[in-house]
C-alpha atoms as a PDB file:
ATOM      1  CA  MET A   1     106.824 -38.969  29.522  1.00  0.00           C
ATOM      2  CA  PHE A   2     106.244 -37.564  26.365  1.00  0.00           C
ATOM      3  CA  SER A   3     106.675 -33.359  25.215  1.00  0.00           C
ATOM      4  CA  VAL A   4     105.665 -31.344  22.680  1.00  0.00           C
ATOM      5  CA  THR A   5     107.164 -27.422  22.467  1.00  0.00           C
ATOM      6  CA  VAL A   6     105.533 -24.813  21.057  1.00  0.00           C
ATOM      7  CA  ARG A   7     107.280 -21.632  20.232  1.00  0.00           C
ATOM      8  CA  ASP A   8     106.424 -17.642  20.249  1.00  0.00           C
ATOM      9  CA  HIS A   9     107.910 -15.099  21.642  1.00  0.00           C
ATOM     10  CA  ILE A  10     106.412 -11.291  23.522  1.00  0.00           C
ATOM     11  CA  MET A  11     108.228  -8.042  23.831  1.00  0.00           C
ATOM     12  CA  ILE A  12     107.628  -6.493  26.613  1.00  0.00           C
ATOM     13  CA  ALA A  13     108.537  -2.958  28.709  1.00  0.00           C
ATOM     14  CA  HIS A  14     109.242  -2.838  32.914  1.00  0.00           C
ATOM     15  CA  SER A  15     111.198  -1.958  34.860  1.00  0.00           C
ATOM     16  CA  PHE A  16     111.850  -3.942  38.703  1.00  0.00           C
ATOM     17  CA  ARG A  17     111.984  -2.603  42.255  1.00  0.00           C
ATOM     18  CA  GLY A  18     115.592  -3.962  44.428  1.00  0.00           C
ATOM     19  CA  GLU A  19     119.039  -2.637  44.625  1.00  0.00           C
ATOM     20  CA  VAL A  20     119.580  -6.477  42.894  1.00  0.00           C
ATOM     21  CA  PHE A  21     118.122  -5.176  39.813  1.00  0.00           C
ATOM     22  CA  GLY A  22     120.966  -2.461  39.230  1.00  0.00           C
ATOM     23  CA  PRO A  23     120.120  -0.147  35.922  1.00  0.00           C
ATOM     24  CA  ALA A  24     117.487  -2.166  35.464  1.00  0.00           C
ATOM     25  CA  GLN A  25     115.420  -0.782  37.989  1.00  0.00           C
ATOM     26  CA  ARG A  26     114.759   1.776  35.333  1.00  0.00           C
ATOM     27  CA  LEU A  27     111.655   1.349  32.377  1.00  0.00           C
ATOM     28  CA  HIS A  28     113.108  -1.198  29.887  1.00  0.00           C
ATOM     29  CA  GLY A  29     112.109  -3.231  26.769  1.00  0.00           C
ATOM     30  CA  ALA A  30     112.606  -7.491  26.981  1.00  0.00           C
ATOM     31  CA  THR A  31     112.624  -9.599  23.771  1.00  0.00           C
ATOM     32  CA  PHE A  32     111.978 -13.336  25.231  1.00  0.00           C
ATOM     33  CA  VAL A  33     111.959 -16.006  23.232  1.00  0.00           C
ATOM     34  CA  VAL A  34     108.830 -18.669  24.795  1.00  0.00           C
ATOM     35  CA  ASP A  35     108.774 -22.477  24.786  1.00  0.00           C
ATOM     36  CA  ALA A  36     105.867 -24.030  26.375  1.00  0.00           C
ATOM     37  CA  THR A  37     106.159 -27.872  26.689  1.00  0.00           C
ATOM     38  CA  PHE A  38     103.494 -29.944  27.169  1.00  0.00           C
ATOM     39  CA  ARG A  39     104.039 -33.460  28.971  1.00  0.00           C
ATOM     40  CA  ARG A  40     102.061 -36.701  29.377  1.00  0.00           C
ATOM     41  CA  ALA A  41     102.953 -39.932  30.387  1.00  0.00           C
ATOM     42  CA  ALA A  42     100.868 -42.073  27.773  1.00  0.00           C
ATOM     43  CA  LEU A  43      99.746 -40.543  24.532  1.00  0.00           C
ATOM     44  CA  ASP A  44      95.906 -39.492  23.656  1.00  0.00           C
ATOM     45  CA  VAL A  45      94.015 -41.489  21.354  1.00  0.00           C
ATOM     46  CA  ASP A  46      94.727 -40.005  18.284  1.00  0.00           C
ATOM     47  CA  ASN A  47      98.847 -40.966  19.535  1.00  0.00           C
ATOM     48  CA  ILE A  48      99.735 -36.859  20.082  1.00  0.00           C
ATOM     49  CA  VAL A  49     100.687 -35.489  23.727  1.00  0.00           C
ATOM     50  CA  VAL A  50      98.892 -32.080  22.149  1.00  0.00           C
ATOM     51  CA  ASP A  51      97.830 -30.756  19.273  1.00  0.00           C
ATOM     52  CA  ILE A  52     100.645 -27.936  17.595  1.00  0.00           C
ATOM     53  CA  GLY A  53      98.101 -26.562  15.998  1.00  0.00           C
ATOM     54  CA  ARG A  54      96.136 -25.833  18.700  1.00  0.00           C
ATOM     55  CA  ALA A  55      99.043 -25.719  21.276  1.00  0.00           C
ATOM     56  CA  GLY A  56     101.122 -22.994  19.072  1.00  0.00           C
ATOM     57  CA  ALA A  57      97.464 -20.402  19.073  1.00  0.00           C
ATOM     58  CA  GLU A  58      97.006 -20.641  22.833  1.00  0.00           C
ATOM     59  CA  LEU A  59     100.561 -19.992  24.292  1.00  0.00           C
ATOM     60  CA  HIS A  60     100.093 -16.937  21.494  1.00  0.00           C
ATOM     61  CA  ALA A  61      96.908 -15.907  23.040  1.00  0.00           C
ATOM     62  CA  VAL A  62      98.041 -15.660  25.857  1.00  0.00           C
ATOM     63  CA  LEU A  63     101.589 -13.992  25.043  1.00  0.00           C
ATOM     64  CA  GLY A  64      99.243 -11.330  23.317  1.00  0.00           C
ATOM     65  CA  ASP A  65      97.997 -10.491  26.613  1.00  0.00           C
ATOM     66  CA  LEU A  66     101.469  -9.303  27.718  1.00  0.00           C
ATOM     67  CA  THR A  67     103.390  -8.185  24.651  1.00  0.00           C
ATOM     68  CA  TYR A  68     103.208  -4.336  23.456  1.00  0.00           C
ATOM     69  CA  ARG A  69     102.906  -3.501  27.186  1.00  0.00           C
ATOM     70  CA  ASN A  70     104.824  -1.704  30.040  1.00  0.00           C
ATOM     71  CA  LEU A  71     103.752  -4.118  32.424  1.00  0.00           C
ATOM     72  CA  ASP A  72     104.283  -1.590  35.124  1.00  0.00           C
ATOM     73  CA  GLU A  73     101.534  -0.188  34.190  1.00  0.00           C
ATOM     74  CA  GLU A  74      99.354  -3.563  33.676  1.00  0.00           C
ATOM     75  CA  ALA A  75      96.747  -3.704  36.994  1.00  0.00           C
ATOM     76  CA  ALA A  76      97.828  -7.694  37.243  1.00  0.00           C
ATOM     77  CA  PHE A  77     100.986  -7.293  37.814  1.00  0.00           C
ATOM     78  CA  ALA A  78     100.542  -4.095  40.436  1.00  0.00           C
ATOM     79  CA  GLY A  79     103.624  -4.702  43.261  1.00  0.00           C
ATOM     80  CA  VAL A  80     104.915  -7.177  41.039  1.00  0.00           C
ATOM     81  CA  ASN A  81     109.145  -8.056  39.836  1.00  0.00           C
ATOM     82  CA  THR A  82     108.047  -9.088  36.782  1.00  0.00           C
ATOM     83  CA  SER A  83     111.541 -11.023  36.483  1.00  0.00           C
ATOM     84  CA  THR A  84     111.741 -13.659  33.863  1.00  0.00           C
ATOM     85  CA  GLU A  85     111.437 -16.651  36.113  1.00  0.00           C
ATOM     86  CA  ALA A  86     107.532 -14.719  37.378  1.00  0.00           C
ATOM     87  CA  LEU A  87     106.814 -14.518  33.930  1.00  0.00           C
ATOM     88  CA  ALA A  88     107.180 -17.637  33.147  1.00  0.00           C
ATOM     89  CA  GLN A  89     104.802 -18.469  35.890  1.00  0.00           C
ATOM     90  CA  VAL A  90     102.068 -16.599  34.733  1.00  0.00           C
ATOM     91  CA  ILE A  91     102.479 -17.508  31.032  1.00  0.00           C
ATOM     92  CA  ALA A  92     102.179 -21.906  32.597  1.00  0.00           C
ATOM     93  CA  ASP A  93      99.133 -20.855  34.798  1.00  0.00           C
ATOM     94  CA  ARG A  94      96.957 -19.045  32.023  1.00  0.00           C
ATOM     95  CA  LEU A  95      98.126 -21.495  29.800  1.00  0.00           C
ATOM     96  CA  VAL A  96      97.038 -24.433  32.619  1.00  0.00           C
ATOM     97  CA  GLU A  97      92.872 -22.620  32.904  1.00  0.00           C
ATOM     98  CA  ARG A  98      92.812 -22.555  28.713  1.00  0.00           C
ATOM     99  CA  VAL A  99      93.919 -26.567  28.809  1.00  0.00           C
ATOM    100  CA  ARG A 100      91.851 -26.886  31.526  1.00  0.00           C
ATOM    101  CA  ALA A 101      89.003 -24.523  29.283  1.00  0.00           C
ATOM    102  CA  GLY A 102      88.953 -27.095  26.873  1.00  0.00           C
ATOM    103  CA  ALA A 103      90.648 -24.697  24.307  1.00  0.00           C
ATOM    104  CA  LEU A 104      93.230 -26.897  23.177  1.00  0.00           C
ATOM    105  CA  GLY A 105      90.885 -30.344  22.701  1.00  0.00           C
ATOM    106  CA  ASP A 106      89.819 -32.745  24.831  1.00  0.00           C
ATOM    107  CA  GLY A 107      92.913 -34.935  24.872  1.00  0.00           C
ATOM    108  CA  ALA A 108      94.713 -32.443  25.889  1.00  0.00           C
ATOM    109  CA  LEU A 109      93.165 -32.960  29.488  1.00  0.00           C
ATOM    110  CA  GLY A 110      95.041 -35.227  29.784  1.00  0.00           C
ATOM    111  CA  LEU A 111      98.092 -33.537  29.848  1.00  0.00           C
ATOM    112  CA  ALA A 112     100.101 -34.145  33.081  1.00  0.00           C
ATOM    113  CA  GLY A 113     102.422 -30.856  33.304  1.00  0.00           C
ATOM    114  CA  ILE A 114     103.374 -27.553  31.236  1.00  0.00           C
ATOM    115  CA  ALA A 115     106.946 -26.046  31.145  1.00  0.00           C
ATOM    116  CA  VAL A 116     107.675 -22.665  30.657  1.00  0.00           C
ATOM    117  CA  THR A 117     111.073 -21.114  29.230  1.00  0.00           C
ATOM    118  CA  LEU A 118     111.910 -17.788  28.810  1.00  0.00           C
ATOM    119  CA  HIS A 119     114.897 -17.736  27.105  1.00  0.00           C
ATOM    120  CA  GLU A 120     116.920 -13.859  27.823  1.00  0.00           C
ATOM    121  CA  SER A 121     118.922 -14.303  25.277  1.00  0.00           C
ATOM    122  CA  HIS A 122     121.149 -16.806  23.640  1.00  0.00           C
ATOM    123  CA  ILE A 123     123.162 -17.291  27.331  1.00  0.00           C
ATOM    124  CA  ALA A 124     120.797 -17.035  29.596  1.00  0.00           C
ATOM    125  CA  TRP A 125     116.539 -18.054  29.962  1.00  0.00           C
ATOM    126  CA  ALA A 126     114.696 -18.881  33.513  1.00  0.00           C
ATOM    127  CA  SER A 127     111.984 -21.816  33.597  1.00  0.00           C
ATOM    128  CA  TYR A 128     108.997 -23.031  35.553  1.00  0.00           C
ATOM    129  CA  GLU A 129     107.494 -26.134  35.612  1.00  0.00           C
ATOM    130  CA  ARG A 130     103.981 -26.742  36.913  1.00  0.00           C
ATOM    131  CA  THR A 131     101.423 -29.827  36.397  1.00  0.00           C
ATOM    132  CA  LEU A 132      97.863 -30.373  35.691  1.00  0.00           C
END
């Protein structure tokens, strides 16, 4: 399996419901380094996994809909604990939508999967991986 990873970041505010979250139940900010990894079994006709420039631009666009926002106030997240794991899934799903819409070019239609990793810090991160 071949892979290409692009990186960006988001800054959000949010809070959690549930005692398991302790003080994070209060509104707080988070900055995540976000890696999006695109995978395929064989390279496309141009001998690449995906156009890195397009992949980076699409990741940036997806993150642009999230960054500098209080996710508690976003209709898409009503009633949802926006954990690191849940945000990784949202970002992966939105990237898949863009792939299927052709935003990463026709070659990207042959991708096998996308994995998104959100790094909370240098010692903790969470990922979500899905097929196309």
